[in-house]
Every structure is written in structure tokens, then in C-alpha cells.
Amino acid sequence: MLRMKFLRKSENLLKEYFNSYGAVVISGASSGIGKAIMEEIFSVEDKIVVFNLSRHSDASFEKYSNLIHIRCDLTDQEQVVRAHELIMEKLGGIRGKILLVNNSGFGGYGLFPAPNIEHNLSMIDLNIRALTHLTGLFLPELKKRGGAVLNVCSTAAWQACPHLNVYAATKAYVMSFSLALGVELRPLGIDVLCLCPGPTSTNFFKAAGFNKRPLPNSFGHTARQVANSALISLAKQKRLKVVGILNSISARMAGFLPKSLSTIISGWILSKIRAN
């Protein structure tokens, strides 16, 4: 009974929040957390127009009449600029606020530079440069219309992570950038949320080089749980959200420990995971 009341309250909160929005621009909504965020938004407000920037589409997209898929390699700056121009043309006939969701990203497991330097450089291009580029391109329209930015980060951002060194470093950038941007834009009525999920049931581990999920299926969260937590936090105008109680505790503990010690601890834990 209490759960049903909570769910209804959350749904009403999201409906009220997204009632003033006209469009959502999201990167990587073809799978994982990005797709879950898109589906969660459509479940509460099906009149919003969603622009998905991704190299791949999904067969389930056909059921969404307000979804516009724009094929784009986000590591290619020219393609990002062209995608922005195309979206701006279509936004001319859409009223309301804009939500920008920077979701695309991937990781890599192993001792640097494993799996190879090209993988790590592409990770930096997607996790950092593409996110920064999209935010900069859409910021003038956000200032004009109002809205919010949701940057999908990670609990890995809270400490250096041996075996996930470049990935954790990119997410530390996302956190720092998001929090600072949030302070800059709050006076303009634009919210910025930094979302930090822990292990999630997505394709992350496969992209990071694992043949199978290294953690039990019961450990972590589903993409839909992460998406719901993200949107509720956004509606409550939060600036930082760590998904899950255990993740919140471990993230805060990492902040209190000396950086050298937290790095040793995270390295020891991650060394117990094997990619093959």
C-alpha cells in the first residue's frame, strides 16, 4: 500500500515537471540507461519530442511517434555539429523547455593502456569531449527556453580506480564539470544534475571487455531503476544523485578517506574482477 502511494506520488511529480517541457535531446537512447530514461519520460508525458543521438537505432523505436532518431557518431565533431543543426531546425516548431541528457559513454578494464590506447582515446572523446561539445552547442537554446541538463556520471567518479583508470578519470571530469556548471546556470533557472549510478544491468561490461557480467545479477540496479531515480532527482532540482543506499555510503566514505588510501582500496577490489 505504501509502495503504491509512493509510486503514484512519483508519477504525479514527474507529470507536473515534464508538463512544461517540449523536447528532450538525449545521447545514446538506443540501449541501457539512455533508453530507460527515454521510456520513463514517454510513460509520463507522451507529447514530448525526443531526439536520440546515437550510431544505432532500435526496433522498439517504431512505437514512439514523437521519437526522432538522428544517426550520429558522437566522437566525430563534424557529425555532432550537423546533428545540432538538424535538431535546431526541428525545434523551431516546438514550444516549451528543453532537457539535454548526456548519457553516451563506455569504459575499459585492465592495466593501462589495456585494451589499447585507441580504445582509451575514444573513451575520452565520447565521455568528455562529446558531452562538453553538446552542452556548449545547446546552452544558448537552454538559456532562451529554460530547461535542464542531466549528465550521466558514475560512482567511479568519487575516487581514482586502478584497472578502470581512464574511465574513472573521465567520470571525475563529468562530476566536476556538472557541479560547477550547475552553480553557473542556477541563477538563470537552468538545473544541472550529475547522476552517479553504480553497477547497472546494461551493455557496459561487454563494452569494457568482459565476456560476461562479472557481478551477480542481483547486485546493482536495473536501467529502469536508475532512470526513475534520475528523473525524480531532476524534478526535485537536485544537483548530485548517487543511486542506491550502499553506493551513497561508499561514495561518501571515499570522500572522507585520504585519496591515496581510497585508490589502494578501489584498486584491490577491482583487481578481483576478471575481464575473461
C-alpha atoms as a PDB file:
ATOM      1  CA  MET A   1       0.000   0.000   0.000  1.00  0.00           C
ATOM      2  CA  LEU A   2       2.763   2.427   0.939  1.00  0.00           C
ATOM      3  CA  ARG A   3       4.688   1.462  -2.190  1.00  0.00           C
ATOM      4  CA  MET A   4       1.652   2.175  -4.380  1.00  0.00           C
ATOM      5  CA  LYS A   5       1.242   5.611  -2.783  1.00  0.00           C
ATOM      6  CA  PHE A   6       4.936   6.330  -3.350  1.00  0.00           C
ATOM      7  CA  LEU A   7       4.709   5.283  -6.998  1.00  0.00           C
ATOM      8  CA  ARG A   8       1.624   7.463  -7.592  1.00  0.00           C
ATOM      9  CA  LYS A   9       3.291  10.400  -5.878  1.00  0.00           C
ATOM     10  CA  SER A  10       6.417   9.964  -8.010  1.00  0.00           C
ATOM     11  CA  GLU A  11       4.374   9.684 -11.197  1.00  0.00           C
ATOM     12  CA  ASN A  12       2.420  12.841 -10.379  1.00  0.00           C
ATOM     13  CA  LEU A  13       5.669  14.674  -9.613  1.00  0.00           C
ATOM     14  CA  LEU A  14       7.139  13.697 -12.988  1.00  0.00           C
ATOM     15  CA  LYS A  15       3.953  14.561 -14.877  1.00  0.00           C
ATOM     16  CA  GLU A  16       3.887  18.013 -13.307  1.00  0.00           C
ATOM     17  CA  TYR A  17       7.593  18.532 -14.004  1.00  0.00           C
ATOM     18  CA  PHE A  18       7.559  17.474 -17.663  1.00  0.00           C
ATOM     19  CA  ASN A  19       4.321  19.316 -18.421  1.00  0.00           C
ATOM     20  CA  SER A  20       6.372  22.431 -19.202  1.00  0.00           C
ATOM     21  CA  TYR A  21       8.851  20.593 -21.445  1.00  0.00           C
ATOM     22  CA  GLY A  22       8.597  20.424 -25.210  1.00  0.00           C
ATOM     23  CA  ALA A  23      11.692  18.471 -26.187  1.00  0.00           C
ATOM     24  CA  VAL A  24      14.396  16.161 -24.906  1.00  0.00           C
ATOM     25  CA  VAL A  25      17.776  15.754 -26.565  1.00  0.00           C
ATOM     26  CA  ILE A  26      19.465  12.567 -25.410  1.00  0.00           C
ATOM     27  CA  SER A  27      22.630  10.796 -26.472  1.00  0.00           C
ATOM     28  CA  GLY A  28      22.680   7.012 -26.545  1.00  0.00           C
ATOM     29  CA  ALA A  29      18.992   6.249 -26.031  1.00  0.00           C
ATOM     30  CA  SER A  30      19.245   3.108 -28.147  1.00  0.00           C
ATOM     31  CA  SER A  31      20.044   0.937 -25.124  1.00  0.00           C
ATOM     32  CA  GLY A  32      20.797   0.853 -21.401  1.00  0.00           C
ATOM     33  CA  ILE A  33      20.193   3.818 -19.123  1.00  0.00           C
ATOM     34  CA  GLY A  34      19.557   6.197 -22.022  1.00  0.00           C
ATOM     35  CA  LYS A  35      16.770   4.043 -23.420  1.00  0.00           C
ATOM     36  CA  ALA A  36      15.271   3.630 -19.951  1.00  0.00           C
ATOM     37  CA  ILE A  37      15.273   7.409 -19.411  1.00  0.00           C
ATOM     38  CA  MET A  38      13.531   7.912 -22.752  1.00  0.00           C
ATOM     39  CA  GLU A  39      10.890   5.266 -21.954  1.00  0.00           C
ATOM     40  CA  GLU A  40      10.338   6.701 -18.477  1.00  0.00           C
ATOM     41  CA  ILE A  41       9.748  10.182 -19.943  1.00  0.00           C
ATOM     42  CA  PHE A  42       7.305   8.863 -22.551  1.00  0.00           C
ATOM     43  CA  SER A  43       5.426   6.963 -19.824  1.00  0.00           C
ATOM     44  CA  VAL A  44       4.548  10.220 -18.049  1.00  0.00           C
ATOM     45  CA  GLU A  45       4.383  12.655 -21.000  1.00  0.00           C
ATOM     46  CA  ASP A  46       3.920  11.191 -24.469  1.00  0.00           C
ATOM     47  CA  LYS A  47       3.627  14.589 -26.184  1.00  0.00           C
ATOM     48  CA  ILE A  48       7.294  15.462 -25.663  1.00  0.00           C
ATOM     49  CA  VAL A  49       9.506  15.220 -28.743  1.00  0.00           C
ATOM     50  CA  VAL A  50      12.639  13.187 -28.054  1.00  0.00           C
ATOM     51  CA  PHE A  51      15.750  13.458 -30.217  1.00  0.00           C
ATOM     52  CA  ASN A  52      18.061  10.470 -29.878  1.00  0.00           C
ATOM     53  CA  LEU A  53      21.672  10.940 -30.948  1.00  0.00           C
ATOM     54  CA  SER A  54      23.227   7.538 -31.482  1.00  0.00           C
ATOM     55  CA  ARG A  55      25.005   5.442 -34.081  1.00  0.00           C
ATOM     56  CA  HIS A  56      22.328   2.749 -33.758  1.00  0.00           C
ATOM     57  CA  SER A  57      18.548   2.677 -33.624  1.00  0.00           C
ATOM     58  CA  ASP A  58      16.288   0.089 -32.031  1.00  0.00           C
ATOM     59  CA  ALA A  59      13.332  -1.837 -33.428  1.00  0.00           C
ATOM     60  CA  SER A  60      11.175  -0.716 -30.500  1.00  0.00           C
ATOM     61  CA  PHE A  61      11.545   2.912 -31.603  1.00  0.00           C
ATOM     62  CA  GLU A  62       8.775   2.442 -34.172  1.00  0.00           C
ATOM     63  CA  LYS A  63       6.090   2.575 -31.480  1.00  0.00           C
ATOM     64  CA  TYR A  64       7.086   6.112 -30.456  1.00  0.00           C
ATOM     65  CA  SER A  65       5.620   8.670 -32.860  1.00  0.00           C
ATOM     66  CA  ASN A  66       7.409  11.564 -31.121  1.00  0.00           C
ATOM     67  CA  LEU A  67      10.867   9.983 -31.266  1.00  0.00           C
ATOM     68  CA  ILE A  68      13.331  11.289 -33.822  1.00  0.00           C
ATOM     69  CA  HIS A  69      16.458   9.190 -34.197  1.00  0.00           C
ATOM     70  CA  ILE A  70      19.480  11.023 -35.582  1.00  0.00           C
ATOM     71  CA  ARG A  71      22.336   8.734 -36.552  1.00  0.00           C
ATOM     72  CA  CYS A  72      25.489  10.305 -35.172  1.00  0.00           C
ATOM     73  CA  ASP A  73      28.976   9.213 -34.171  1.00  0.00           C
ATOM     74  CA  LEU A  74      29.475  11.446 -31.148  1.00  0.00           C
ATOM     75  CA  THR A  75      33.263  11.113 -31.328  1.00  0.00           C
ATOM     76  CA  ASP A  76      33.135  12.899 -34.707  1.00  0.00           C
ATOM     77  CA  GLN A  77      32.878  16.651 -34.093  1.00  0.00           C
ATOM     78  CA  GLU A  78      31.531  17.382 -37.593  1.00  0.00           C
ATOM     79  CA  GLN A  79      28.698  14.882 -37.122  1.00  0.00           C
ATOM     80  CA  VAL A  80      27.864  16.423 -33.741  1.00  0.00           C
ATOM     81  CA  VAL A  81      27.638  19.886 -35.315  1.00  0.00           C
ATOM     82  CA  ARG A  82      25.409  18.596 -38.136  1.00  0.00           C
ATOM     83  CA  ALA A  83      23.148  16.808 -35.652  1.00  0.00           C
ATOM     84  CA  HIS A  84      22.815  20.012 -33.627  1.00  0.00           C
ATOM     85  CA  GLU A  85      21.908  22.000 -36.756  1.00  0.00           C
ATOM     86  CA  LEU A  86      19.253  19.437 -37.700  1.00  0.00           C
ATOM     87  CA  ILE A  87      17.722  19.483 -34.221  1.00  0.00           C
ATOM     88  CA  MET A  88      17.688  23.274 -34.142  1.00  0.00           C
ATOM     89  CA  GLU A  89      15.731  23.311 -37.402  1.00  0.00           C
ATOM     90  CA  LYS A  90      13.113  20.965 -35.950  1.00  0.00           C
ATOM     91  CA  LEU A  91      12.952  22.806 -32.608  1.00  0.00           C
ATOM     92  CA  GLY A  92      11.550  25.836 -34.423  1.00  0.00           C
ATOM     93  CA  GLY A  93       8.076  24.321 -34.330  1.00  0.00           C
ATOM     94  CA  ILE A  94       8.284  23.034 -30.760  1.00  0.00           C
ATOM     95  CA  ARG A  95       7.412  25.082 -27.706  1.00  0.00           C
ATOM     96  CA  GLY A  96       8.494  24.514 -24.141  1.00  0.00           C
ATOM     97  CA  LYS A  97      11.626  23.833 -22.163  1.00  0.00           C
ATOM     98  CA  ILE A  98      14.452  21.544 -23.252  1.00  0.00           C
ATOM     99  CA  LEU A  99      16.094  18.712 -21.367  1.00  0.00           C
ATOM    100  CA  LEU A 100      19.581  17.751 -22.526  1.00  0.00           C
ATOM    101  CA  VAL A 101      20.651  14.272 -21.395  1.00  0.00           C
ATOM    102  CA  ASN A 102      24.326  13.481 -21.900  1.00  0.00           C
ATOM    103  CA  ASN A 103      24.203   9.721 -21.471  1.00  0.00           C
ATOM    104  CA  SER A 104      26.563   8.160 -24.024  1.00  0.00           C
ATOM    105  CA  GLY A 105      29.757   6.695 -22.662  1.00  0.00           C
ATOM    106  CA  PHE A 106      31.740   3.496 -22.246  1.00  0.00           C
ATOM    107  CA  GLY A 107      34.553   2.060 -20.143  1.00  0.00           C
ATOM    108  CA  GLY A 108      37.575  -0.182 -20.340  1.00  0.00           C
ATOM    109  CA  TYR A 109      39.019  -2.642 -17.842  1.00  0.00           C
ATOM    110  CA  GLY A 110      42.663  -3.547 -17.325  1.00  0.00           C
ATOM    111  CA  LEU A 111      46.092  -2.153 -16.609  1.00  0.00           C
ATOM    112  CA  PHE A 112      46.731   0.958 -18.689  1.00  0.00           C
ATOM    113  CA  PRO A 113      46.828   1.138 -21.684  1.00  0.00           C
ATOM    114  CA  ALA A 114      44.707  -2.037 -21.934  1.00  0.00           C
ATOM    115  CA  PRO A 115      42.863  -2.933 -24.034  1.00  0.00           C
ATOM    116  CA  ASN A 116      44.729  -0.484 -26.300  1.00  0.00           C
ATOM    117  CA  ILE A 117      45.471   3.237 -26.485  1.00  0.00           C
ATOM    118  CA  GLU A 118      42.910   3.819 -29.251  1.00  0.00           C
ATOM    119  CA  HIS A 119      40.146   2.466 -27.008  1.00  0.00           C
ATOM    120  CA  ASN A 120      41.134   4.853 -24.236  1.00  0.00           C
ATOM    121  CA  LEU A 121      41.374   7.864 -26.522  1.00  0.00           C
ATOM    122  CA  SER A 122      37.929   7.104 -27.974  1.00  0.00           C
ATOM    123  CA  MET A 123      36.633   6.844 -24.412  1.00  0.00           C
ATOM    124  CA  ILE A 124      37.944  10.326 -23.654  1.00  0.00           C
ATOM    125  CA  ASP A 125      36.415  11.654 -26.867  1.00  0.00           C
ATOM    126  CA  LEU A 126      32.962  10.267 -26.031  1.00  0.00           C
ATOM    127  CA  ASN A 127      32.840  10.554 -22.243  1.00  0.00           C
ATOM    128  CA  ILE A 128      34.361  14.046 -22.074  1.00  0.00           C
ATOM    129  CA  ARG A 129      34.590  15.888 -25.374  1.00  0.00           C
ATOM    130  CA  ALA A 130      31.205  14.894 -26.807  1.00  0.00           C
ATOM    131  CA  LEU A 131      29.448  15.718 -23.523  1.00  0.00           C
ATOM    132  CA  THR A 132      31.158  19.108 -23.343  1.00  0.00           C
ATOM    133  CA  HIS A 133      30.513  19.795 -27.021  1.00  0.00           C
ATOM    134  CA  LEU A 134      26.785  19.005 -26.856  1.00  0.00           C
ATOM    135  CA  THR A 135      26.341  21.060 -23.708  1.00  0.00           C
ATOM    136  CA  GLY A 136      28.055  24.049 -25.280  1.00  0.00           C
ATOM    137  CA  LEU A 137      26.054  23.792 -28.503  1.00  0.00           C
ATOM    138  CA  PHE A 138      22.647  23.587 -26.785  1.00  0.00           C
ATOM    139  CA  LEU A 139      23.358  26.034 -23.973  1.00  0.00           C
ATOM    140  CA  PRO A 140      22.161  29.134 -25.892  1.00  0.00           C
ATOM    141  CA  GLU A 141      18.794  27.444 -26.561  1.00  0.00           C
ATOM    142  CA  LEU A 142      18.565  26.309 -22.942  1.00  0.00           C
ATOM    143  CA  LYS A 143      19.128  29.884 -21.787  1.00  0.00           C
ATOM    144  CA  LYS A 144      16.457  31.055 -24.202  1.00  0.00           C
ATOM    145  CA  ARG A 145      13.771  28.477 -23.412  1.00  0.00           C
ATOM    146  CA  GLY A 146      14.708  27.241 -19.957  1.00  0.00           C
ATOM    147  CA  GLY A 147      15.219  23.618 -19.038  1.00  0.00           C
ATOM    148  CA  ALA A 148      17.810  21.317 -17.550  1.00  0.00           C
ATOM    149  CA  VAL A 149      20.916  19.255 -18.198  1.00  0.00           C
ATOM    150  CA  LEU A 150      21.254  15.669 -16.972  1.00  0.00           C
ATOM    151  CA  ASN A 151      24.788  14.286 -17.132  1.00  0.00           C
ATOM    152  CA  VAL A 152      25.131  10.550 -16.547  1.00  0.00           C
ATOM    153  CA  CYS A 153      28.242  10.069 -14.440  1.00  0.00           C
ATOM    154  CA  SER A 154      29.267   7.097 -12.248  1.00  0.00           C
ATOM    155  CA  THR A 155      30.223   6.161  -8.712  1.00  0.00           C
ATOM    156  CA  ALA A 156      33.690   5.643 -10.221  1.00  0.00           C
ATOM    157  CA  ALA A 157      33.989   9.443 -10.246  1.00  0.00           C
ATOM    158  CA  TRP A 158      34.380   9.542  -6.468  1.00  0.00           C
ATOM    159  CA  GLN A 159      37.884   8.063  -6.378  1.00  0.00           C
ATOM    160  CA  ALA A 160      40.708   7.051  -8.685  1.00  0.00           C
ATOM    161  CA  CYS A 161      40.165   3.478  -9.891  1.00  0.00           C
ATOM    162  CA  PRO A 162      43.111   1.288 -10.876  1.00  0.00           C
ATOM    163  CA  HIS A 163      42.007  -1.134 -13.650  1.00  0.00           C
ATOM    164  CA  LEU A 164      39.348   1.422 -14.614  1.00  0.00           C
ATOM    165  CA  ASN A 165      41.788   4.322 -14.594  1.00  0.00           C
ATOM    166  CA  VAL A 166      40.829   6.267 -17.728  1.00  0.00           C
ATOM    167  CA  TYR A 167      37.103   5.605 -17.297  1.00  0.00           C
ATOM    168  CA  ALA A 168      37.120   6.841 -13.689  1.00  0.00           C
ATOM    169  CA  ALA A 169      39.126   9.898 -14.719  1.00  0.00           C
ATOM    170  CA  THR A 170      36.593  10.789 -17.427  1.00  0.00           C
ATOM    171  CA  LYS A 171      33.757  10.487 -14.933  1.00  0.00           C
ATOM    172  CA  ALA A 172      35.626  12.651 -12.409  1.00  0.00           C
ATOM    173  CA  TYR A 173      35.639  15.317 -15.137  1.00  0.00           C
ATOM    174  CA  VAL A 174      31.896  14.860 -15.687  1.00  0.00           C
ATOM    175  CA  MET A 175      31.208  15.349 -11.981  1.00  0.00           C
ATOM    176  CA  SER A 176      33.407  18.419 -11.622  1.00  0.00           C
ATOM    177  CA  PHE A 177      32.053  19.972 -14.822  1.00  0.00           C
ATOM    178  CA  SER A 178      28.424  19.266 -13.888  1.00  0.00           C
ATOM    179  CA  LEU A 179      28.622  20.666 -10.366  1.00  0.00           C
ATOM    180  CA  ALA A 180      30.400  23.833 -11.498  1.00  0.00           C
ATOM    181  CA  LEU A 181      28.000  24.309 -14.418  1.00  0.00           C
ATOM    182  CA  GLY A 182      25.073  23.870 -12.063  1.00  0.00           C
ATOM    183  CA  VAL A 183      26.243  26.795  -9.934  1.00  0.00           C
ATOM    184  CA  GLU A 184      26.715  28.957 -13.029  1.00  0.00           C
ATOM    185  CA  LEU A 185      23.290  28.172 -14.505  1.00  0.00           C
ATOM    186  CA  ARG A 186      21.093  28.009 -11.395  1.00  0.00           C
ATOM    187  CA  PRO A 187      20.584  31.839 -11.357  1.00  0.00           C
ATOM    188  CA  LEU A 188      19.244  31.506 -14.919  1.00  0.00           C
ATOM    189  CA  GLY A 189      16.693  28.884 -13.857  1.00  0.00           C
ATOM    190  CA  ILE A 190      18.543  26.005 -15.522  1.00  0.00           C
ATOM    191  CA  ASP A 191      19.133  22.913 -13.398  1.00  0.00           C
ATOM    192  CA  VAL A 192      22.115  20.598 -13.866  1.00  0.00           C
ATOM    193  CA  LEU A 193      22.018  17.110 -12.359  1.00  0.00           C
ATOM    194  CA  CYS A 194      25.047  14.850 -12.069  1.00  0.00           C
ATOM    195  CA  LEU A 195      23.774  11.268 -11.889  1.00  0.00           C
ATOM    196  CA  CYS A 196      26.068   8.636 -10.348  1.00  0.00           C
ATOM    197  CA  PRO A 197      24.799   5.083 -10.798  1.00  0.00           C
ATOM    198  CA  GLY A 198      26.795   2.083  -9.649  1.00  0.00           C
ATOM    199  CA  PRO A 199      26.805  -1.305 -11.439  1.00  0.00           C
ATOM    200  CA  THR A 200      23.776  -1.380 -13.736  1.00  0.00           C
ATOM    201  CA  SER A 201      22.260  -4.056 -15.970  1.00  0.00           C
ATOM    202  CA  THR A 202      23.420  -2.582 -19.298  1.00  0.00           C
ATOM    203  CA  ASN A 203      25.995  -3.331 -22.019  1.00  0.00           C
ATOM    204  CA  PHE A 204      28.694  -1.504 -20.019  1.00  0.00           C
ATOM    205  CA  PHE A 205      30.628  -4.619 -19.021  1.00  0.00           C
ATOM    206  CA  LYS A 206      30.650  -6.017 -22.564  1.00  0.00           C
ATOM    207  CA  ALA A 207      31.973  -2.729 -23.940  1.00  0.00           C
ATOM    208  CA  ALA A 208      34.605  -2.677 -21.177  1.00  0.00           C
ATOM    209  CA  GLY A 209      35.980  -6.025 -22.336  1.00  0.00           C
ATOM    210  CA  PHE A 210      34.126  -8.569 -20.200  1.00  0.00           C
ATOM    211  CA  ASN A 211      32.849 -11.769 -21.813  1.00  0.00           C
ATOM    212  CA  LYS A 212      30.171 -11.987 -19.139  1.00  0.00           C
ATOM    213  CA  ARG A 213      28.862  -9.827 -16.295  1.00  0.00           C
ATOM    214  CA  PRO A 214      31.484 -10.062 -13.513  1.00  0.00           C
ATOM    215  CA  LEU A 215      28.955  -9.366 -10.747  1.00  0.00           C
ATOM    216  CA  PRO A 216      25.850 -11.318  -9.664  1.00  0.00           C
ATOM    217  CA  ASN A 217      22.643 -10.246 -11.414  1.00  0.00           C
ATOM    218  CA  SER A 218      21.194  -9.378  -8.004  1.00  0.00           C
ATOM    219  CA  PHE A 219      23.977  -6.859  -7.399  1.00  0.00           C
ATOM    220  CA  GLY A 220      23.327  -3.315  -8.598  1.00  0.00           C
ATOM    221  CA  HIS A 221      20.305  -1.763 -10.274  1.00  0.00           C
ATOM    222  CA  THR A 222      18.293  -2.125 -13.435  1.00  0.00           C
ATOM    223  CA  ALA A 223      18.452   0.617 -16.047  1.00  0.00           C
ATOM    224  CA  ARG A 224      14.806   1.475 -15.336  1.00  0.00           C
ATOM    225  CA  GLN A 225      15.513   1.952 -11.622  1.00  0.00           C
ATOM    226  CA  VAL A 226      18.396   4.284 -12.461  1.00  0.00           C
ATOM    227  CA  ALA A 227      16.249   6.218 -14.936  1.00  0.00           C
ATOM    228  CA  ASN A 228      13.414   6.670 -12.433  1.00  0.00           C
ATOM    229  CA  SER A 229      15.821   7.831  -9.744  1.00  0.00           C
ATOM    230  CA  ALA A 230      17.397  10.281 -12.197  1.00  0.00           C
ATOM    231  CA  LEU A 231      14.138  11.909 -13.288  1.00  0.00           C
ATOM    232  CA  ILE A 232      12.744  12.186  -9.764  1.00  0.00           C
ATOM    233  CA  SER A 233      16.001  13.826  -8.641  1.00  0.00           C
ATOM    234  CA  LEU A 234      15.777  16.184 -11.607  1.00  0.00           C
ATOM    235  CA  ALA A 235      12.199  17.126 -10.716  1.00  0.00           C
ATOM    236  CA  LYS A 236      13.354  17.837  -7.147  1.00  0.00           C
ATOM    237  CA  GLN A 237      16.098  20.109  -8.539  1.00  0.00           C
ATOM    238  CA  LYS A 238      18.931  18.089  -7.051  1.00  0.00           C
ATOM    239  CA  ARG A 239      22.456  18.733  -8.304  1.00  0.00           C
ATOM    240  CA  LEU A 240      24.012  15.382  -7.421  1.00  0.00           C
ATOM    241  CA  LYS A 241      22.410  11.946  -7.114  1.00  0.00           C
ATOM    242  CA  VAL A 242      24.117   8.683  -6.213  1.00  0.00           C
ATOM    243  CA  VAL A 243      21.751   5.817  -6.998  1.00  0.00           C
ATOM    244  CA  GLY A 244      21.277   3.341  -4.142  1.00  0.00           C
ATOM    245  CA  ILE A 245      21.926   3.483  -0.410  1.00  0.00           C
ATOM    246  CA  LEU A 246      25.051   1.290  -0.467  1.00  0.00           C
ATOM    247  CA  ASN A 247      26.501   3.278  -3.361  1.00  0.00           C
ATOM    248  CA  SER A 248      25.802   6.509  -1.477  1.00  0.00           C
ATOM    249  CA  ILE A 249      27.586   5.229   1.623  1.00  0.00           C
ATOM    250  CA  SER A 250      30.643   4.017  -0.298  1.00  0.00           C
ATOM    251  CA  ALA A 251      30.841   7.242  -2.303  1.00  0.00           C
ATOM    252  CA  ARG A 252      30.742   9.390   0.822  1.00  0.00           C
ATOM    253  CA  MET A 253      33.312   7.182   2.539  1.00  0.00           C
ATOM    254  CA  ALA A 254      35.655   7.614  -0.422  1.00  0.00           C
ATOM    255  CA  GLY A 255      35.331  11.370   0.056  1.00  0.00           C
ATOM    256  CA  PHE A 256      36.440  11.175   3.688  1.00  0.00           C
ATOM    257  CA  LEU A 257      39.409   8.866   3.162  1.00  0.00           C
ATOM    258  CA  PRO A 258      42.834  10.128   2.007  1.00  0.00           C
ATOM    259  CA  LYS A 259      42.915   9.880  -1.786  1.00  0.00           C
ATOM    260  CA  SER A 260      45.930   7.573  -1.769  1.00  0.00           C
ATOM    261  CA  LEU A 261      44.150   5.159   0.585  1.00  0.00           C
ATOM    262  CA  SER A 262      40.825   5.195  -1.303  1.00  0.00           C
ATOM    263  CA  THR A 263      42.769   4.490  -4.511  1.00  0.00           C
ATOM    264  CA  ILE A 264      44.506   1.480  -2.943  1.00  0.00           C
ATOM    265  CA  ILE A 265      41.179   0.129  -1.691  1.00  0.00           C
ATOM    266  CA  SER A 266      39.380   0.575  -5.021  1.00  0.00           C
ATOM    267  CA  GLY A 267      42.355  -0.965  -6.841  1.00  0.00           C
ATOM    268  CA  TRP A 268      42.287  -4.024  -4.572  1.00  0.00           C
ATOM    269  CA  ILE A 269      38.543  -4.505  -5.122  1.00  0.00           C
ATOM    270  CA  LEU A 270      38.760  -4.051  -8.881  1.00  0.00           C
ATOM    271  CA  SER A 271      41.761  -6.381  -9.164  1.00  0.00           C
ATOM    272  CA  LYS A 272      39.494  -9.213  -8.002  1.00  0.00           C
ATOM    273  CA  ILE A 273      37.339  -8.779 -11.099  1.00  0.00           C
ATOM    274  CA  ARG A 274      38.479 -10.529 -14.249  1.00  0.00           C
ATOM    275  CA  ALA A 275      37.539  -9.495 -17.774  1.00  0.00           C
ATOM    276  CA  ASN A 276      37.792 -13.026 -19.153  1.00  0.00           C
END
